[in-house]
Amino acid sequence: MNQEALFIPYGAASGLTVSLSKSISAIRLQQKENGMGAELGAISQLGPGNTLVFCGEGFDERTVKVRVNDSFYFVFAEDVEFAMPVKR
């Protein structure tokens, strides 16, 4: 596991932005209770229409870090290969 990926980025993420066309699994990245660092949280579903902003490497070679609204998640790279880039 890539321990260096377990941090919550501060500031605006400016990576590739995509919109989901189907639900995918995601592992939430959350602040530790003691406020010192971050840890993996619950597994949840991100539904169609959610916009993902890529913002870093995942905790292993199969995952990437994304921001959805004001929350950060790790998602499987293969799950977002089908997502449509958001045009700005």
PDB file of N, CA and C in Angstrom:
ATOM      1  N   MET A   1       0.850  -1.187   0.000  1.00  0.00           N
ATOM      2  CA  MET A   1       0.000   0.000   0.000  1.00  0.00           C
ATOM      3  C   MET A   1       0.886   1.237   0.000  1.00  0.00           C
ATOM      4  N   ASN A   2       0.540   2.181  -0.848  1.00  0.00           N
ATOM      5  CA  ASN A   2       1.259   3.446  -0.944  1.00  0.00           C
ATOM      6  C   ASN A   2       0.760   4.379   0.160  1.00  0.00           C
ATOM      7  N   GLN A   3       1.468   4.413   1.288  1.00  0.00           N
ATOM      8  CA  GLN A   3       1.079   5.247   2.429  1.00  0.00           C
ATOM      9  C   GLN A   3       1.114   6.740   2.096  1.00  0.00           C
ATOM     10  N   GLU A   4       1.961   7.127   1.134  1.00  0.00           N
ATOM     11  CA  GLU A   4       2.071   8.529   0.764  1.00  0.00           C
ATOM     12  C   GLU A   4       0.798   9.062   0.118  1.00  0.00           C
ATOM     13  N   ALA A   5      -0.046   8.189  -0.383  1.00  0.00           N
ATOM     14  CA  ALA A   5      -1.303   8.615  -1.015  1.00  0.00           C
ATOM     15  C   ALA A   5      -2.376   8.936   0.020  1.00  0.00           C
ATOM     16  N   LEU A   6      -2.140   8.557   1.281  1.00  0.00           N
ATOM     17  CA  LEU A   6      -3.147   8.763   2.323  1.00  0.00           C
ATOM     18  C   LEU A   6      -3.039  10.164   2.925  1.00  0.00           C
ATOM     19  N   PHE A   7      -3.378  11.161   2.115  1.00  0.00           N
ATOM     20  CA  PHE A   7      -3.458  12.537   2.593  1.00  0.00           C
ATOM     21  C   PHE A   7      -4.592  13.222   1.853  1.00  0.00           C
ATOM     22  N   ILE A   8      -5.162  14.201   2.505  1.00  0.00           N
ATOM     23  CA  ILE A   8      -6.236  14.976   1.893  1.00  0.00           C
ATOM     24  C   ILE A   8      -5.611  16.234   1.307  1.00  0.00           C
ATOM     25  N   PRO A   9      -5.702  16.396  -0.007  1.00  0.00           N
ATOM     26  CA  PRO A   9      -5.104  17.582  -0.633  1.00  0.00           C
ATOM     27  C   PRO A   9      -5.801  18.857  -0.160  1.00  0.00           C
ATOM     28  N   TYR A  10      -5.017  19.892   0.022  1.00  0.00           N
ATOM     29  CA  TYR A  10      -5.587  21.188   0.385  1.00  0.00           C
ATOM     30  C   TYR A  10      -5.492  22.089  -0.823  1.00  0.00           C
ATOM     31  N   GLY A  11      -6.504  22.897  -1.033  1.00  0.00           N
ATOM     32  CA  GLY A  11      -6.554  23.726  -2.214  1.00  0.00           C
ATOM     33  C   GLY A  11      -7.355  23.028  -3.295  1.00  0.00           C
ATOM     34  N   ALA A  12      -7.551  23.712  -4.377  1.00  0.00           N
ATOM     35  CA  ALA A  12      -8.375  23.185  -5.467  1.00  0.00           C
ATOM     36  C   ALA A  12      -7.595  22.179  -6.301  1.00  0.00           C
ATOM     37  N   ALA A  13      -8.188  21.042  -6.524  1.00  0.00           N
ATOM     38  CA  ALA A  13      -7.602  20.053  -7.435  1.00  0.00           C
ATOM     39  C   ALA A  13      -7.874  20.514  -8.861  1.00  0.00           C
ATOM     40  N   SER A  14      -6.910  20.338  -9.727  1.00  0.00           N
ATOM     41  CA  SER A  14      -7.092  20.844 -11.086  1.00  0.00           C
ATOM     42  C   SER A  14      -6.813  19.783 -12.143  1.00  0.00           C
ATOM     43  N   GLY A  15      -7.023  18.545 -11.801  1.00  0.00           N
ATOM     44  CA  GLY A  15      -6.770  17.475 -12.754  1.00  0.00           C
ATOM     45  C   GLY A  15      -7.912  17.283 -13.732  1.00  0.00           C
ATOM     46  N   LEU A  16      -7.804  16.225 -14.518  1.00  0.00           N
ATOM     47  CA  LEU A  16      -8.839  15.842 -15.465  1.00  0.00           C
ATOM     48  C   LEU A  16     -10.177  15.729 -14.741  1.00  0.00           C
ATOM     49  N   THR A  17     -11.223  16.237 -15.346  1.00  0.00           N
ATOM     50  CA  THR A  17     -12.565  16.187 -14.774  1.00  0.00           C
ATOM     51  C   THR A  17     -13.445  15.331 -15.677  1.00  0.00           C
ATOM     52  N   VAL A  18     -14.133  14.354 -15.065  1.00  0.00           N
ATOM     53  CA  VAL A  18     -15.018  13.474 -15.827  1.00  0.00           C
ATOM     54  C   VAL A  18     -16.359  13.356 -15.120  1.00  0.00           C
ATOM     55  N   SER A  19     -17.373  12.983 -15.899  1.00  0.00           N
ATOM     56  CA  SER A  19     -18.710  12.764 -15.376  1.00  0.00           C
ATOM     57  C   SER A  19     -19.045  11.277 -15.502  1.00  0.00           C
ATOM     58  N   LEU A  20     -19.555  10.694 -14.426  1.00  0.00           N
ATOM     59  CA  LEU A  20     -19.882   9.267 -14.438  1.00  0.00           C
ATOM     60  C   LEU A  20     -21.181   9.002 -15.198  1.00  0.00           C
ATOM     61  N   SER A  21     -21.172   7.903 -15.950  1.00  0.00           N
ATOM     62  CA  SER A  21     -22.395   7.496 -16.640  1.00  0.00           C
ATOM     63  C   SER A  21     -23.048   6.299 -15.960  1.00  0.00           C
ATOM     64  N   LYS A  22     -22.361   5.706 -14.976  1.00  0.00           N
ATOM     65  CA  LYS A  22     -22.939   4.620 -14.176  1.00  0.00           C
ATOM     66  C   LYS A  22     -22.315   4.648 -12.793  1.00  0.00           C
ATOM     67  N   SER A  23     -22.893   3.922 -11.856  1.00  0.00           N
ATOM     68  CA  SER A  23     -22.388   3.889 -10.485  1.00  0.00           C
ATOM     69  C   SER A  23     -21.082   3.117 -10.402  1.00  0.00           C
ATOM     70  N   ILE A  24     -20.188   3.609  -9.531  1.00  0.00           N
ATOM     71  CA  ILE A  24     -18.931   2.908  -9.272  1.00  0.00           C
ATOM     72  C   ILE A  24     -18.697   2.863  -7.762  1.00  0.00           C
ATOM     73  N   SER A  25     -17.872   1.922  -7.334  1.00  0.00           N
ATOM     74  CA  SER A  25     -17.490   1.827  -5.925  1.00  0.00           C
ATOM     75  C   SER A  25     -16.377   2.818  -5.638  1.00  0.00           C
ATOM     76  N   ALA A  26     -16.362   3.344  -4.419  1.00  0.00           N
ATOM     77  CA  ALA A  26     -15.351   4.303  -4.005  1.00  0.00           C
ATOM     78  C   ALA A  26     -15.038   4.102  -2.527  1.00  0.00           C
ATOM     79  N   ILE A  27     -13.799   4.340  -2.157  1.00  0.00           N
ATOM     80  CA  ILE A  27     -13.381   4.265  -0.753  1.00  0.00           C
ATOM     81  C   ILE A  27     -13.080   5.685  -0.307  1.00  0.00           C
ATOM     82  N   ARG A  28     -13.815   6.145   0.677  1.00  0.00           N
ATOM     83  CA  ARG A  28     -13.662   7.529   1.135  1.00  0.00           C
ATOM     84  C   ARG A  28     -12.333   7.712   1.856  1.00  0.00           C
ATOM     85  N   LEU A  29     -11.706   8.841   1.620  1.00  0.00           N
ATOM     86  CA  LEU A  29     -10.499   9.246   2.322  1.00  0.00           C
ATOM     87  C   LEU A  29     -10.947  10.277   3.347  1.00  0.00           C
ATOM     88  N   GLN A  30     -10.736   9.975   4.621  1.00  0.00           N
ATOM     89  CA  GLN A  30     -11.261  10.847   5.666  1.00  0.00           C
ATOM     90  C   GLN A  30     -10.179  11.240   6.660  1.00  0.00           C
ATOM     91  N   GLN A  31     -10.412  12.370   7.310  1.00  0.00           N
ATOM     92  CA  GLN A  31      -9.514  12.859   8.347  1.00  0.00           C
ATOM     93  C   GLN A  31      -9.572  11.906   9.540  1.00  0.00           C
ATOM     94  N   LYS A  32      -8.413  11.592  10.121  1.00  0.00           N
ATOM     95  CA  LYS A  32      -8.396  10.760  11.330  1.00  0.00           C
ATOM     96  C   LYS A  32      -9.079  11.513  12.461  1.00  0.00           C
ATOM     97  N   GLU A  33      -9.632  10.773  13.414  1.00  0.00           N
ATOM     98  CA  GLU A  33     -10.347  11.391  14.529  1.00  0.00           C
ATOM     99  C   GLU A  33      -9.471  12.347  15.315  1.00  0.00           C
ATOM    100  N   ASN A  34      -8.174  12.014  15.437  1.00  0.00           N
ATOM    101  CA  ASN A  34      -7.274  12.888  16.198  1.00  0.00           C
ATOM    102  C   ASN A  34      -6.806  14.089  15.376  1.00  0.00           C
ATOM    103  N   GLY A  35      -7.252  14.175  14.120  1.00  0.00           N
ATOM    104  CA  GLY A  35      -6.899  15.291  13.258  1.00  0.00           C
ATOM    105  C   GLY A  35      -5.508  15.212  12.659  1.00  0.00           C
ATOM    106  N   MET A  36      -4.802  14.139  12.933  1.00  0.00           N
ATOM    107  CA  MET A  36      -3.421  13.987  12.470  1.00  0.00           C
ATOM    108  C   MET A  36      -3.360  13.031  11.287  1.00  0.00           C
ATOM    109  N   GLY A  37      -3.563  13.546  10.092  1.00  0.00           N
ATOM    110  CA  GLY A  37      -3.480  12.712   8.901  1.00  0.00           C
ATOM    111  C   GLY A  37      -4.833  12.204   8.449  1.00  0.00           C
ATOM    112  N   ALA A  38      -4.777  11.284   7.490  1.00  0.00           N
ATOM    113  CA  ALA A  38      -5.992  10.743   6.894  1.00  0.00           C
ATOM    114  C   ALA A  38      -5.947   9.219   6.929  1.00  0.00           C
ATOM    115  N   GLU A  39      -7.118   8.623   6.732  1.00  0.00           N
ATOM    116  CA  GLU A  39      -7.237   7.167   6.720  1.00  0.00           C
ATOM    117  C   GLU A  39      -8.335   6.764   5.757  1.00  0.00           C
ATOM    118  N   LEU A  40      -8.335   5.478   5.405  1.00  0.00           N
ATOM    119  CA  LEU A  40      -9.395   4.951   4.549  1.00  0.00           C
ATOM    120  C   LEU A  40     -10.678   4.843   5.341  1.00  0.00           C
ATOM    121  N   GLY A  41     -11.775   5.238   4.729  1.00  0.00           N
ATOM    122  CA  GLY A  41     -13.077   5.170   5.365  1.00  0.00           C
ATOM    123  C   GLY A  41     -13.936   4.091   4.744  1.00  0.00           C
ATOM    124  N   ALA A  42     -15.214   4.328   4.772  1.00  0.00           N
ATOM    125  CA  ALA A  42     -16.197   3.356   4.293  1.00  0.00           C
ATOM    126  C   ALA A  42     -16.208   3.268   2.767  1.00  0.00           C
ATOM    127  N   ILE A  43     -16.625   2.114   2.278  1.00  0.00           N
ATOM    128  CA  ILE A  43     -16.849   1.917   0.852  1.00  0.00           C
ATOM    129  C   ILE A  43     -18.249   2.418   0.529  1.00  0.00           C
ATOM    130  N   SER A  44     -18.362   3.185  -0.530  1.00  0.00           N
ATOM    131  CA  SER A  44     -19.666   3.716  -0.918  1.00  0.00           C
ATOM    132  C   SER A  44     -19.797   3.662  -2.432  1.00  0.00           C
ATOM    133  N   GLN A  45     -20.926   4.129  -2.925  1.00  0.00           N
ATOM    134  CA  GLN A  45     -21.196   4.174  -4.354  1.00  0.00           C
ATOM    135  C   GLN A  45     -21.271   5.637  -4.796  1.00  0.00           C
ATOM    136  N   LEU A  46     -20.629   5.932  -5.916  1.00  0.00           N
ATOM    137  CA  LEU A  46     -20.772   7.231  -6.555  1.00  0.00           C
ATOM    138  C   LEU A  46     -21.659   7.011  -7.770  1.00  0.00           C
ATOM    139  N   GLY A  47     -22.744   7.735  -7.837  1.00  0.00           N
ATOM    140  CA  GLY A  47     -23.743   7.481  -8.873  1.00  0.00           C
ATOM    141  C   GLY A  47     -23.528   8.247 -10.160  1.00  0.00           C
ATOM    142  N   PRO A  48     -24.313   7.879 -11.173  1.00  0.00           N
ATOM    143  CA  PRO A  48     -24.246   8.559 -12.465  1.00  0.00           C
ATOM    144  C   PRO A  48     -24.479  10.056 -12.298  1.00  0.00           C
ATOM    145  N   GLY A  49     -23.758  10.829 -13.097  1.00  0.00           N
ATOM    146  CA  GLY A  49     -23.888  12.277 -13.033  1.00  0.00           C
ATOM    147  C   GLY A  49     -22.902  12.939 -12.093  1.00  0.00           C
ATOM    148  N   ASN A  50     -22.293  12.180 -11.179  1.00  0.00           N
ATOM    149  CA  ASN A  50     -21.271  12.761 -10.310  1.00  0.00           C
ATOM    150  C   ASN A  50     -20.079  13.176 -11.152  1.00  0.00           C
ATOM    151  N   THR A  51     -19.504  14.318 -10.821  1.00  0.00           N
ATOM    152  CA  THR A  51     -18.310  14.800 -11.491  1.00  0.00           C
ATOM    153  C   THR A  51     -17.098  14.500 -10.622  1.00  0.00           C
ATOM    154  N   LEU A  52     -16.110  13.809 -11.207  1.00  0.00           N
ATOM    155  CA  LEU A  52     -14.887  13.442 -10.508  1.00  0.00           C
ATOM    156  C   LEU A  52     -13.742  14.301 -11.022  1.00  0.00           C
ATOM    157  N   VAL A  53     -12.949  14.834 -10.102  1.00  0.00           N
ATOM    158  CA  VAL A  53     -11.737  15.572 -10.456  1.00  0.00           C
ATOM    159  C   VAL A  53     -10.566  14.717  -9.992  1.00  0.00           C
ATOM    160  N   PHE A  54      -9.729  14.280 -10.937  1.00  0.00           N
ATOM    161  CA  PHE A  54      -8.567  13.468 -10.583  1.00  0.00           C
ATOM    162  C   PHE A  54      -7.556  14.357  -9.876  1.00  0.00           C
ATOM    163  N   CYS A  55      -7.023  13.867  -8.754  1.00  0.00           N
ATOM    164  CA  CYS A  55      -6.114  14.715  -7.981  1.00  0.00           C
ATOM    165  C   CYS A  55      -4.929  13.965  -7.392  1.00  0.00           C
ATOM    166  N   GLY A  56      -4.672  12.754  -7.832  1.00  0.00           N
ATOM    167  CA  GLY A  56      -3.479  12.086  -7.337  1.00  0.00           C
ATOM    168  C   GLY A  56      -3.477  10.598  -7.553  1.00  0.00           C
ATOM    169  N   GLU A  57      -2.345  10.009  -7.172  1.00  0.00           N
ATOM    170  CA  GLU A  57      -2.184   8.568  -7.266  1.00  0.00           C
ATOM    171  C   GLU A  57      -3.041   7.877  -6.217  1.00  0.00           C
ATOM    172  N   GLY A  58      -3.330   6.625  -6.490  1.00  0.00           N
ATOM    173  CA  GLY A  58      -4.092   5.826  -5.547  1.00  0.00           C
ATOM    174  C   GLY A  58      -3.195   5.172  -4.511  1.00  0.00           C
ATOM    175  N   PHE A  59      -3.816   4.352  -3.669  1.00  0.00           N
ATOM    176  CA  PHE A  59      -3.048   3.658  -2.639  1.00  0.00           C
ATOM    177  C   PHE A  59      -2.378   2.398  -3.174  1.00  0.00           C
ATOM    178  N   ASP A  60      -2.709   2.032  -4.417  1.00  0.00           N
ATOM    179  CA  ASP A  60      -2.017   0.942  -5.112  1.00  0.00           C
ATOM    180  C   ASP A  60      -2.081   1.232  -6.612  1.00  0.00           C
ATOM    181  N   GLU A  61      -1.515   0.347  -7.406  1.00  0.00           N
ATOM    182  CA  GLU A  61      -1.426   0.605  -8.843  1.00  0.00           C
ATOM    183  C   GLU A  61      -2.773   0.540  -9.567  1.00  0.00           C
ATOM    184  N   ARG A  62      -3.816   0.060  -8.910  1.00  0.00           N
ATOM    185  CA  ARG A  62      -5.131  -0.056  -9.556  1.00  0.00           C
ATOM    186  C   ARG A  62      -6.079   1.082  -9.224  1.00  0.00           C
ATOM    187  N   THR A  63      -5.678   1.982  -8.333  1.00  0.00           N
ATOM    188  CA  THR A  63      -6.588   3.036  -7.873  1.00  0.00           C
ATOM    189  C   THR A  63      -6.040   4.426  -8.178  1.00  0.00           C
ATOM    190  N   VAL A  64      -6.956   5.411  -8.183  1.00  0.00           N
ATOM    191  CA  VAL A  64      -6.606   6.822  -8.316  1.00  0.00           C
ATOM    192  C   VAL A  64      -7.402   7.605  -7.276  1.00  0.00           C
ATOM    193  N   LYS A  65      -6.871   8.769  -6.906  1.00  0.00           N
ATOM    194  CA  LYS A  65      -7.551   9.639  -5.944  1.00  0.00           C
ATOM    195  C   LYS A  65      -8.369  10.659  -6.716  1.00  0.00           C
ATOM    196  N   VAL A  66      -9.621  10.853  -6.301  1.00  0.00           N
ATOM    197  CA  VAL A  66     -10.496  11.825  -6.946  1.00  0.00           C
ATOM    198  C   VAL A  66     -11.206  12.670  -5.897  1.00  0.00           C
ATOM    199  N   ARG A  67     -11.651  13.845  -6.346  1.00  0.00           N
ATOM    200  CA  ARG A  67     -12.492  14.695  -5.494  1.00  0.00           C
ATOM    201  C   ARG A  67     -13.880  14.709  -6.103  1.00  0.00           C
ATOM    202  N   VAL A  68     -14.885  14.559  -5.261  1.00  0.00           N
ATOM    203  CA  VAL A  68     -16.286  14.688  -5.654  1.00  0.00           C
ATOM    204  C   VAL A  68     -16.888  15.694  -4.688  1.00  0.00           C
ATOM    205  N   ASN A  69     -17.259  16.852  -5.205  1.00  0.00           N
ATOM    206  CA  ASN A  69     -17.707  17.973  -4.380  1.00  0.00           C
ATOM    207  C   ASN A  69     -16.574  18.303  -3.402  1.00  0.00           C
ATOM    208  N   ASP A  70     -16.794  18.190  -2.113  1.00  0.00           N
ATOM    209  CA  ASP A  70     -15.755  18.515  -1.125  1.00  0.00           C
ATOM    210  C   ASP A  70     -15.183  17.285  -0.449  1.00  0.00           C
ATOM    211  N   SER A  71     -15.408  16.102  -1.001  1.00  0.00           N
ATOM    212  CA  SER A  71     -14.911  14.855  -0.412  1.00  0.00           C
ATOM    213  C   SER A  71     -13.918  14.191  -1.355  1.00  0.00           C
ATOM    214  N   PHE A  72     -13.007  13.417  -0.769  1.00  0.00           N
ATOM    215  CA  PHE A  72     -11.992  12.707  -1.540  1.00  0.00           C
ATOM    216  C   PHE A  72     -12.206  11.216  -1.427  1.00  0.00           C
ATOM    217  N   TYR A  73     -11.929  10.516  -2.538  1.00  0.00           N
ATOM    218  CA  TYR A  73     -12.144   9.076  -2.613  1.00  0.00           C
ATOM    219  C   TYR A  73     -11.014   8.430  -3.400  1.00  0.00           C
ATOM    220  N   PHE A  74     -10.848   7.132  -3.183  1.00  0.00           N
ATOM    221  CA  PHE A  74     -10.052   6.303  -4.069  1.00  0.00           C
ATOM    222  C   PHE A  74     -11.033   5.481  -4.882  1.00  0.00           C
ATOM    223  N   VAL A  75     -10.824   5.454  -6.189  1.00  0.00           N
ATOM    224  CA  VAL A  75     -11.663   4.664  -7.076  1.00  0.00           C
ATOM    225  C   VAL A  75     -10.762   3.799  -7.942  1.00  0.00           C
ATOM    226  N   PHE A  76     -11.308   2.723  -8.471  1.00  0.00           N
ATOM    227  CA  PHE A  76     -10.544   1.863  -9.364  1.00  0.00           C
ATOM    228  C   PHE A  76     -10.424   2.537 -10.724  1.00  0.00           C
ATOM    229  N   ALA A  77      -9.190   2.623 -11.223  1.00  0.00           N
ATOM    230  CA  ALA A  77      -8.940   3.276 -12.505  1.00  0.00           C
ATOM    231  C   ALA A  77      -9.778   2.662 -13.619  1.00  0.00           C
ATOM    232  N   GLU A  78      -9.930   1.348 -13.612  1.00  0.00           N
ATOM    233  CA  GLU A  78     -10.708   0.695 -14.677  1.00  0.00           C
ATOM    234  C   GLU A  78     -12.177   1.102 -14.638  1.00  0.00           C
ATOM    235  N   ASP A  79     -12.688   1.512 -13.478  1.00  0.00           N
ATOM    236  CA  ASP A  79     -14.088   1.933 -13.378  1.00  0.00           C
ATOM    237  C   ASP A  79     -14.337   3.302 -13.998  1.00  0.00           C
ATOM    238  N   VAL A  80     -13.303   4.120 -14.121  1.00  0.00           N
ATOM    239  CA  VAL A  80     -13.520   5.462 -14.672  1.00  0.00           C
ATOM    240  C   VAL A  80     -13.019   5.588 -16.107  1.00  0.00           C
ATOM    241  N   GLU A  81     -12.549   4.493 -16.685  1.00  0.00           N
ATOM    242  CA  GLU A  81     -12.108   4.533 -18.077  1.00  0.00           C
ATOM    243  C   GLU A  81     -13.249   4.894 -19.022  1.00  0.00           C
ATOM    244  N   PHE A  82     -14.470   4.557 -18.646  1.00  0.00           N
ATOM    245  CA  PHE A  82     -15.634   4.796 -19.495  1.00  0.00           C
ATOM    246  C   PHE A  82     -16.215   6.186 -19.287  1.00  0.00           C
ATOM    247  N   ALA A  83     -15.788   6.899 -18.268  1.00  0.00           N
ATOM    248  CA  ALA A  83     -16.377   8.202 -17.926  1.00  0.00           C
ATOM    249  C   ALA A  83     -16.115   9.229 -19.018  1.00  0.00           C
ATOM    250  N   MET A  84     -17.025  10.148 -19.145  1.00  0.00           N
ATOM    251  CA  MET A  84     -16.934  11.167 -20.192  1.00  0.00           C
ATOM    252  C   MET A  84     -16.227  12.406 -19.650  1.00  0.00           C
ATOM    253  N   PRO A  85     -15.197  12.897 -20.359  1.00  0.00           N
ATOM    254  CA  PRO A  85     -14.545  14.144 -19.941  1.00  0.00           C
ATOM    255  C   PRO A  85     -15.554  15.291 -19.935  1.00  0.00           C
ATOM    256  N   VAL A  86     -15.430  16.159 -18.942  1.00  0.00           N
ATOM    257  CA  VAL A  86     -16.298  17.326 -18.838  1.00  0.00           C
ATOM    258  C   VAL A  86     -15.678  18.441 -19.663  1.00  0.00           C
ATOM    259  N   LYS A  87     -16.455  19.022 -20.559  1.00  0.00           N
ATOM    260  CA  LYS A  87     -15.966  20.129 -21.381  1.00  0.00           C
ATOM    261  C   LYS A  87     -16.197  21.428 -20.653  1.00  0.00           C
ATOM    262  N   ARG A  88     -15.172  22.246 -20.649  1.00  0.00           N
ATOM    263  CA  ARG A  88     -15.270  23.540 -19.958  1.00  0.00           C
ATOM    264  C   ARG A  88     -15.213  24.670 -20.931  1.00  0.00           C
TER     265      ARG A  88
END
